[in-house]
Every structure is written in structure tokens, then in C-alpha cells.
Protein backbone atom coordinates (compact mmCIF):
# COMPACT_ATOMS: atom_id res chain seq x y z
CA MET A 1 53.24 38.77 55.09
CA SER A 2 50.05 40.63 54.14
CA ASP A 3 48.48 40.56 50.68
CA PHE A 4 49.78 44.10 50.07
CA GLU A 5 53.31 43.09 51.11
CA HIS A 6 53.15 40.20 48.66
CA LEU A 7 52.13 42.70 45.99
CA GLU A 8 55.08 44.97 46.90
CA ALA A 9 57.48 42.05 46.59
CA GLU A 10 56.35 41.50 42.99
CA TRP A 11 56.81 45.13 41.94
CA ALA A 12 59.69 46.17 39.69
CA PHE A 13 62.55 48.12 41.26
CA ALA A 14 61.36 51.54 40.05
CA THR A 15 57.88 50.92 41.48
CA GLN A 16 59.29 49.79 44.84
CA ALA A 17 61.39 52.96 45.01
CA ILE A 18 58.27 55.10 44.74
CA ARG A 19 55.51 53.08 46.37
CA ALA A 20 56.87 50.51 48.84
CA GLY A 21 56.27 50.95 52.56
CA GLN A 22 53.74 53.75 52.39
CA VAL A 23 50.71 53.49 54.67
CA ARG A 24 48.32 56.41 54.31
CA THR A 25 46.70 58.00 57.35
CA HIS A 26 42.99 58.81 57.61
CA GLU A 27 43.75 62.06 55.75
CA GLN A 28 44.57 60.01 52.61
CA GLU A 29 47.64 62.11 51.79
CA HIS A 30 49.39 61.44 48.47
CA SER A 31 52.93 62.19 49.62
CA GLU A 32 54.31 60.39 52.67
CA PRO A 33 53.65 62.36 55.89
CA ILE A 34 56.31 63.50 58.35
CA PHE A 35 55.74 62.64 62.02
CA PRO A 36 57.80 65.26 63.91
CA THR A 37 56.98 63.97 67.38
CA SER A 38 59.12 62.58 70.16
CA SER A 39 56.47 60.26 71.58
CA PHE A 40 53.11 58.62 70.92
CA VAL A 41 50.06 58.29 73.19
CA PHE A 42 48.17 55.13 74.09
CA SER A 43 44.47 54.52 74.56
CA SER A 44 45.05 52.83 77.91
CA ALA A 45 47.72 51.72 80.38
CA ALA A 46 47.24 48.17 79.11
CA GLU A 47 47.96 49.24 75.54
CA ALA A 48 51.07 51.11 76.67
CA ALA A 49 52.31 48.00 78.48
CA ALA A 50 51.63 45.83 75.43
CA ARG A 51 53.54 48.22 73.15
CA PHE A 52 56.56 48.45 75.46
CA SER A 53 56.71 44.67 75.93
CA GLY A 54 56.51 44.04 72.20
CA GLU A 55 53.25 42.09 72.45
CA GLN A 56 51.51 44.71 70.30
CA PRO A 57 53.11 46.45 67.31
CA GLY A 58 53.01 50.20 67.01
CA SER A 59 54.86 53.42 67.71
CA ILE A 60 56.22 54.13 71.20
CA TYR A 61 59.01 56.69 71.15
CA SER A 62 60.79 58.20 68.15
CA ARG A 63 64.21 57.09 69.33
CA PHE A 64 63.31 53.65 67.96
CA THR A 65 59.81 53.80 66.43
CA ASN A 66 58.63 56.52 64.07
CA PRO A 67 56.21 56.03 61.15
CA THR A 68 58.20 58.16 58.68
CA VAL A 69 61.44 56.37 59.51
CA ARG A 70 59.64 53.02 59.30
CA THR A 71 58.41 53.84 55.77
CA PHE A 72 61.97 54.61 54.70
CA GLU A 73 63.23 51.38 56.28
CA GLN A 74 60.62 49.23 54.58
CA ARG A 75 61.15 50.85 51.19
CA LEU A 76 64.93 50.49 51.25
CA ALA A 77 64.62 46.89 52.45
CA ARG A 78 62.44 46.09 49.44
CA MET A 79 64.95 47.70 47.10
CA GLU A 80 67.90 45.77 48.60
CA GLY A 81 66.03 42.47 48.83
CA ALA A 82 66.44 42.36 52.62
CA GLU A 83 64.05 41.15 55.28
CA CYS A 84 64.70 44.08 57.58
CA CYS A 85 66.22 47.56 57.73
CA VAL A 86 67.28 49.66 60.73
CA ALA A 87 67.79 53.35 59.94
CA THR A 88 70.44 55.33 61.82
CA ALA A 89 71.66 58.89 62.23
CA SER A 90 74.62 58.52 59.84
CA GLY A 91 76.53 55.99 57.79
CA MET A 92 79.19 55.70 60.50
CA SER A 93 76.54 55.07 63.17
CA ALA A 94 75.19 52.28 60.93
CA ILE A 95 78.61 50.60 61.02
CA LEU A 96 78.89 51.18 64.78
CA ALA A 97 75.40 49.78 65.40
CA THR A 98 76.27 46.69 63.37
CA CYS A 99 79.48 46.06 65.29
CA LEU A 100 78.08 46.68 68.77
CA GLY A 101 74.85 44.88 67.96
CA ILE A 102 76.50 41.56 67.05
CA LEU A 103 80.04 41.63 68.49
CA LYS A 104 81.38 41.27 72.03
CA THR A 105 84.73 41.68 73.77
CA GLY A 106 87.21 39.15 72.44
CA ASP A 107 85.68 38.96 68.97
CA HIS A 108 87.72 39.64 65.85
CA ILE A 109 87.04 41.51 62.59
CA VAL A 110 88.69 40.97 59.23
CA SER A 111 88.38 44.10 57.13
CA SER A 112 89.52 45.30 53.76
CA ARG A 113 92.23 47.97 53.81
CA SER A 114 90.34 49.75 51.05
CA ILE A 115 87.65 51.35 53.18
CA PHE A 116 86.63 54.87 54.16
CA GLY A 117 89.30 56.40 56.38
CA THR A 118 86.93 57.05 59.27
CA THR A 119 85.88 53.39 59.26
CA THR A 120 89.54 52.43 59.67
CA VAL A 121 89.77 54.84 62.61
CA LEU A 122 86.61 53.36 64.16
CA PHE A 123 88.05 49.85 64.00
CA THR A 124 91.63 50.64 65.10
CA ASN A 125 91.09 53.43 67.65
CA PHE A 126 87.71 52.66 69.19
CA MET A 127 86.63 49.05 68.66
CA SER A 128 90.05 47.99 69.95
CA ARG A 129 89.28 49.74 73.26
CA LEU A 130 86.41 47.29 73.68
CA GLY A 131 88.68 44.32 73.08
CA ILE A 132 87.56 43.83 69.48
CA GLU A 133 90.63 43.63 67.24
CA THR A 134 90.77 44.04 63.46
CA THR A 135 93.05 42.51 60.84
CA PHE A 136 93.26 44.38 57.52
CA VAL A 137 93.74 42.60 54.18
CA ASP A 138 93.83 43.47 50.49
CA LEU A 139 90.25 43.67 49.23
CA SER A 140 90.57 41.49 46.14
CA ASP A 141 92.86 38.81 47.65
CA LEU A 142 90.51 35.97 48.66
CA ASN A 143 93.40 33.89 50.05
CA ALA A 144 94.36 36.79 52.33
CA TRP A 145 90.79 37.00 53.63
CA GLU A 146 90.67 33.32 54.49
CA GLY A 147 94.17 33.35 55.94
CA ALA A 148 93.30 36.20 58.30
CA ILE A 149 90.26 34.46 59.80
CA GLN A 150 90.84 33.33 63.39
CA LYS A 151 88.80 31.14 65.74
CA ASN A 152 87.26 34.29 67.25
CA THR A 153 86.54 36.03 63.93
CA ARG A 154 82.91 36.98 63.78
CA LEU A 155 82.65 39.59 61.05
CA LEU A 156 84.14 40.30 57.61
CA PHE A 157 83.77 43.92 56.49
CA MET A 158 84.38 45.57 53.14
CA GLU A 159 83.32 48.15 50.59
CA THR A 160 82.92 47.14 46.96
CA PRO A 161 83.52 49.28 44.99
CA SER A 162 85.86 50.88 47.51
CA ASN A 163 86.30 54.55 48.32
CA PRO A 164 88.31 56.13 46.73
CA LEU A 165 90.15 53.59 44.52
CA THR A 166 87.04 51.73 43.25
CA GLU A 167 88.54 48.32 44.01
CA LEU A 168 86.22 45.30 43.94
CA VAL A 169 85.98 41.83 45.38
CA ASP A 170 83.97 38.82 44.25
CA ILE A 171 81.11 39.05 46.78
CA ARG A 172 79.82 35.52 46.18
CA ALA A 173 83.27 33.97 46.64
CA LEU A 174 83.90 35.97 49.81
CA ALA A 175 80.44 35.05 51.14
CA ASP A 176 81.31 31.37 50.70
CA ILE A 177 84.53 31.86 52.68
CA SER A 178 82.73 33.84 55.37
CA HIS A 179 79.98 31.26 55.85
CA LYS A 180 82.44 28.36 55.87
CA HIS A 181 83.93 29.94 58.99
CA ASN A 182 80.56 30.96 60.51
CA CYS A 183 81.21 34.68 60.08
CA PHE A 184 78.92 37.53 59.03
CA LEU A 185 79.79 39.16 55.71
CA VAL A 186 79.08 42.90 55.89
CA VAL A 187 79.13 44.92 52.66
CA ASP A 188 79.14 48.71 52.56
CA ASN A 189 77.05 49.31 49.43
CA CYS A 190 77.20 53.09 49.58
CA LEU A 191 78.90 53.71 46.23
CA ALA A 192 76.85 51.26 44.17
CA THR A 193 73.43 51.58 45.89
CA PRO A 194 70.81 48.88 45.24
CA VAL A 195 70.39 50.34 41.75
CA LEU A 196 73.77 48.99 40.64
CA GLN A 197 74.39 46.10 43.06
CA LYS A 198 72.49 43.94 45.55
CA PRO A 199 75.06 42.21 47.82
CA ILE A 200 72.44 40.07 49.58
CA SER A 201 71.70 38.33 46.29
CA PHE A 202 75.38 37.30 46.20
CA GLY A 203 75.31 35.90 49.75
CA ALA A 204 76.14 38.92 51.93
CA ASP A 205 74.54 38.84 55.38
CA ILE A 206 74.41 42.56 56.12
CA VAL A 207 74.40 45.64 53.90
CA ILE A 208 75.42 49.09 55.12
CA HIS A 209 74.41 52.43 53.60
CA SER A 210 75.35 56.01 54.18
CA ALA A 211 72.03 57.52 53.11
CA THR A 212 73.83 60.87 53.24
CA LYS A 213 75.32 60.07 49.83
CA TYR A 214 73.42 58.89 46.76
CA ILE A 215 70.18 58.02 48.57
CA ASP A 216 69.73 61.67 49.51
CA GLY A 217 71.35 62.76 46.27
CA GLN A 218 71.46 66.48 47.00
CA GLY A 219 73.72 66.77 50.03
CA ARG A 220 70.99 67.82 52.47
CA CYS A 221 70.78 65.33 55.32
CA MET A 222 72.76 62.82 57.39
CA GLY A 223 71.58 59.25 57.71
CA GLY A 224 72.51 55.59 57.51
CA ALA A 225 70.95 52.16 57.28
CA VAL A 226 71.68 48.54 58.20
CA LEU A 227 69.92 45.82 56.20
CA GLY A 228 69.73 42.07 56.65
CA THR A 229 67.63 39.38 58.31
CA ASP A 230 64.98 39.84 60.97
CA ASP A 231 66.87 37.70 63.48
CA VAL A 232 70.14 39.66 63.22
CA VAL A 233 69.37 43.18 62.05
CA GLY A 234 65.79 43.22 63.27
CA THR A 235 66.78 41.86 66.70
CA ASP A 236 70.43 42.50 67.60
CA VAL A 237 71.13 45.71 65.67
CA TYR A 238 67.70 47.11 66.49
CA ALA A 239 68.27 46.39 70.18
CA PHE A 240 71.43 48.52 70.08
CA LEU A 241 69.58 51.35 68.33
CA ARG A 242 66.75 51.23 70.85
CA SER A 243 69.11 51.51 73.82
CA ALA A 244 71.95 53.66 72.46
CA GLY A 245 69.86 55.93 70.25
CA PRO A 246 71.83 56.77 67.07
CA THR A 247 68.44 57.67 65.62
CA MET A 248 67.42 58.94 62.20
CA SER A 249 65.15 61.96 62.42
CA ALA A 250 61.70 61.87 60.86
CA PHE A 251 62.51 64.86 58.68
CA ASN A 252 65.66 63.24 57.32
CA ALA A 253 63.77 60.00 56.65
CA TRP A 254 61.24 61.98 54.62
CA ILE A 255 64.05 63.57 52.59
CA PHE A 256 65.55 60.13 51.95
CA LEU A 257 62.17 58.80 50.82
CA LYS A 258 62.07 61.54 48.20
CA GLY A 259 65.64 60.62 47.24
CA LEU A 260 64.74 56.96 46.74
CA GLU A 261 62.04 57.95 44.26
CA THR A 262 64.64 59.29 41.81
CA LEU A 263 67.61 57.10 42.78
CA GLU A 264 67.53 54.85 39.72
CA ILE A 265 67.32 57.74 37.27
CA ARG A 266 70.11 59.64 39.02
CA MET A 267 72.46 56.66 39.29
CA LYS A 268 72.18 55.99 35.57
CA ALA A 269 73.06 59.63 34.88
CA HIS A 270 75.98 59.54 37.34
CA CYS A 271 77.31 56.41 35.64
CA ASP A 272 77.00 57.92 32.18
CA GLY A 273 78.79 61.12 33.17
CA ALA A 274 81.53 59.31 35.08
CA MET A 275 82.25 56.99 32.16
CA LYS A 276 82.69 59.90 29.76
CA LEU A 277 84.89 61.81 32.20
CA ALA A 278 87.03 58.75 33.03
CA LEU A 279 87.73 58.11 29.33
CA TRP A 280 88.73 61.76 28.90
CA LEU A 281 91.03 61.68 31.94
CA GLU A 282 92.83 58.64 30.55
CA GLN A 283 93.82 60.74 27.54
CA GLN A 284 95.32 63.61 29.53
CA PRO A 285 99.16 63.64 29.53
CA GLN A 286 99.29 64.97 33.10
CA VAL A 287 97.34 61.95 34.43
CA ALA A 288 99.36 58.92 35.51
CA ARG A 289 96.46 56.58 36.27
CA VAL A 290 92.65 56.58 36.39
CA TYR A 291 90.66 54.39 38.77
CA TYR A 292 87.18 53.62 37.42
CA PRO A 293 85.60 50.13 37.07
CA GLY A 294 84.04 51.03 33.72
CA LEU A 295 87.45 51.35 32.07
CA GLU A 296 88.98 48.31 30.42
CA SER A 297 92.24 49.31 32.11
CA HIS A 298 90.67 48.67 35.53
CA PRO A 299 92.05 45.33 36.85
CA GLN A 300 88.57 44.16 37.89
CA HIS A 301 86.60 45.49 34.95
CA GLU A 302 85.15 42.06 34.12
CA LEU A 303 84.14 41.45 37.75
CA ALA A 304 82.39 44.81 37.82
CA LYS A 305 80.47 43.83 34.68
CA SER A 306 79.39 40.55 36.28
CA GLN A 307 78.14 41.76 39.66
CA GLN A 308 77.09 45.36 38.96
CA THR A 309 74.60 46.78 36.48
CA GLY A 310 76.60 50.01 36.20
CA PHE A 311 80.01 51.34 37.19
CA GLY A 312 79.06 54.18 39.54
CA GLY A 313 79.74 57.89 39.75
CA LEU A 314 83.09 57.90 41.58
CA ILE A 315 86.42 58.40 39.79
CA SER A 316 89.90 58.73 41.27
CA PHE A 317 93.06 59.59 39.38
CA GLU A 318 96.72 60.20 40.08
CA LEU A 319 98.66 63.07 38.56
CA LYS A 320 102.27 62.66 37.50
CA GLY A 321 103.24 65.28 40.09
CA GLY A 322 102.68 65.28 43.85
CA LYS A 323 100.47 66.94 46.43
CA GLU A 324 101.21 70.49 45.26
CA ASP A 325 100.13 69.65 41.71
CA SER A 326 96.97 67.97 43.00
CA TRP A 327 96.08 70.94 45.16
CA LYS A 328 96.76 73.29 42.22
CA LEU A 329 94.31 71.36 40.03
CA ILE A 330 91.66 71.27 42.75
CA ASP A 331 92.02 74.99 43.50
CA ALA A 332 91.78 75.88 39.80
CA THR A 333 88.31 74.37 39.42
CA GLN A 334 85.35 76.74 39.34
CA ILE A 335 82.44 74.31 38.92
CA CYS A 336 83.52 71.37 41.06
CA SER A 337 82.79 71.80 44.77
CA ILE A 338 85.82 71.26 47.01
CA THR A 339 84.20 69.03 49.60
CA ALA A 340 84.66 65.49 50.89
CA ASN A 341 81.01 64.52 50.48
CA LEU A 342 79.86 62.50 47.47
CA GLY A 343 76.66 61.34 45.82
CA ASP A 344 75.43 64.88 45.13
CA THR A 345 73.88 66.34 42.00
CA LYS A 346 76.82 68.77 42.21
CA THR A 347 80.22 67.33 41.25
CA THR A 348 82.61 67.26 44.19
CA ILE A 349 86.39 67.06 44.25
CA THR A 350 88.78 66.29 47.10
CA HIS A 351 92.33 65.25 47.97
CA PRO A 352 91.86 61.98 49.94
CA ALA A 353 95.32 61.92 51.55
CA THR A 354 94.59 65.14 53.44
CA THR A 355 90.81 64.87 53.88
CA THR A 356 88.88 61.57 53.95
CA HIS A 357 92.02 59.57 54.80
CA GLY A 358 93.92 62.35 56.54
CA ARG A 359 93.65 60.75 60.00
CA LEU A 360 95.44 57.62 58.85
CA THR A 361 99.16 57.30 59.35
CA ALA A 362 101.46 57.64 56.33
CA GLU A 363 102.03 53.88 56.50
CA GLN A 364 98.29 53.15 56.55
CA ARG A 365 97.74 55.43 53.56
CA LYS A 366 100.54 53.71 51.69
CA GLU A 367 99.09 50.26 52.45
CA SER A 368 95.69 51.47 51.24
CA GLY A 369 97.09 52.95 48.03
CA ILE A 370 96.23 56.55 48.93
CA ALA A 371 99.00 58.50 47.17
CA ASP A 372 99.70 62.20 47.67
CA SER A 373 98.95 62.71 43.98
CA LEU A 374 95.49 61.10 44.19
CA ILE A 375 92.37 63.17 43.44
CA ARG A 376 88.81 61.91 43.90
CA ILE A 377 85.87 63.17 41.88
CA ALA A 378 82.24 62.28 42.56
CA VAL A 379 80.62 63.10 39.24
CA GLY A 380 77.36 65.00 39.58
CA LEU A 381 74.70 65.76 37.03
CA GLU A 382 76.23 68.78 35.31
CA ASP A 383 77.11 68.76 31.61
CA VAL A 384 80.23 66.60 31.22
CA GLU A 385 81.82 68.98 28.71
CA ASP A 386 81.70 71.72 31.33
CA LEU A 387 83.38 69.39 33.83
CA LYS A 388 86.16 68.58 31.38
CA LYS A 389 86.83 72.30 30.84
CA ASP A 390 86.77 72.85 34.59
CA LEU A 391 89.39 70.18 35.26
CA ALA A 392 91.48 71.30 32.27
CA ARG A 393 92.05 74.65 33.99
CA GLY A 394 94.30 72.96 36.52
CA MET A 395 96.00 70.62 34.05
């Protein structure tokens, strides 16, 4: 580690989010440059050979080496407390790269049921074709996790908080179980971000991000990231990226770098707005239940207080009616954007059973707690009083 890298490691979180990873060119630019190039030239055939063999560091081809992407990777790694980061084209490609980078035919995954619907589809419909089977368990049930582990289990996967029900699990306790059985613990940290939670500090081996969400923060670009150790992420996951090419573009990496600069400020505002809106929703007679870790009514409120520094910007709630009532409320809104994305400055609203989890079977949705009356809101940065009035139109 260089003297400058030692200095970066000592910086506070806010400073890392703005300064870490930047290496200025001879132009001495203040903002990070974008390198929109597919390839890089070499001074000689010998230098080209040394780069391709790995004997000499440096850029080769933007499918797997690009200076702008590298700056984003190094900055996010600092913020998460990870040795290494591999950036990908999307959050789903980050999960795929993790699985195909470290698993082989005959291996087994234990996953929480409370995960993004597309992740469930990836595990059940596609990983199974490669001979990699998945057992699903309740997120917070540590005994179920341990009971599902087989001799060929290699990877434990979960989101905490989960999407959309904001369920949690004790990361440290699950890490102990995972390591006792020589498994990798993979945590999707998309909803919390490193601002609110650092899974590696609790013993997680790998952290996944959909940079599309809060890291971007304005719904502009697609991207993902895998973080962990040099010998796993920096070797095995990177090898998959280099060969298969689910690559983050330089332009998107630059956008994400700008997003990281304001991530801490935005997450605090998202948390503040979500808390106020969740308390208001609990008081509405049409609402049967509100899912938000900041509420004392949340079954894992104390756990959220112990392993997160904030409760996040995602709220889900069930109406006392069914799908028709939920759709009526959603359609009545004029400020909230009806879209399945989240993490935006603009508040978004969606009906999980027919969108994000629509490809699951009715039985899978029932097991995951996705009711027809469930509505998910990703609270943006608008005035909360305006959001209350907007939702009240459909109540």
C-alpha cells in the first residue's frame, strides 16, 4: 500500500466519498476524467505482453480495465471497508458474476426468501440449469439457515434490509454460521448502502450493490458492484468479468462517482423523510400494516438500531383491501412516480406482486410475504407533507 493509500484509509467516510481513488492525469483536472475508449496503446510489444500477462499493471481493454471504472471501484471499496471491488453493468450482473466466479456445477446455495424477485428467478430458473441448486429459508431464522446447509453448500445469500418488506437478519450471527461450514456469506447491501451499514465489518465475505439505485441517486444509469477480498473478488470474480464481459461503461462509472460524493447527505435525507412518512401511514385507518425498520412496531427494530446507522428510504405497507384498492391508490398519486426503480431523488411507488415480484409463482409470493395489497414506496427528497397529501388522494 502506498503512502497515499494509507492516507486514504485514515480519511473519514465523507472525505473518502469525495476524494478516494482519484489519480489526476498530466492535465491536472479537478473533476475525475472520463476515458471513453475501448482500448489502450502500448509503447512496445514487450509492454503489451507484460500488461496482458499481468506482470505489469495498467490499462489494456475497457472490458476489464478502464481508469474511470477503476476510480469508482477503489472509492466504493474504501467506503465499504473492502480490499477490492469489481464493477459490473448492473446489480443483477454483479450477483451473476459472484455466483459464476466462485461456484461450480454441483454446488449449493442457501438464500433468503426475502430477496428481489429477479434474484429468485436467477437462482431457480438459470443457476439450476448449471447444476447449482438453491434452498430458500426465512431471512431472520438462524436455525433455518444452519439447517439448510448441505455438504456441497458454498454460498449463503441475502438482502438486509430486504426488498420490499425491510426484513433483517443478524449479519454477525449468520457470518459465524457461514464460516463454521466454510461457506461464503454474500450480502446485498443495496438498500442500506455503506452510509447506513457495512456488512464486511460484521463478518460478511462479499457485498453486492446495484449502483443503479442509491449510489446513482437520480435514476440515470445502470451499474453494479461486487466487493470483498483480493483473493476472491479480485481474482475469481474479476476473472469472470474479464472473460464474460458484463462491463460497466466509463460514462456510467463517472456518473456513479458523482453520486458517491453526495451519498451520505442524500441517505440521511431519505431516512428522515421515510421515518416521517412511515409514522403517518401507521395512523391511516385504511392501512393494515407498515413495514419500516425505524418503527417500534417493526419486529427487528432493535436489530436495525444495532447494525445500521439509519433505517433507509424504503417503506412498504398493506391496505385493508386487495389489489384493486392498491392499484386505485397508486393511480391516484400525482407526485409519486409509478416505477419499479428505487433510490431516486424522486419518490417512486409500485405494486410488488405485479411488478418486481410478478414473475414469481403465487406460492412463491405467499412464502415471501408479498401480498396483493402490498404497496412499496421509495421515499425521495420531496417535501414529506406533499407526499402525504399525494398518498391521501388514493386513501
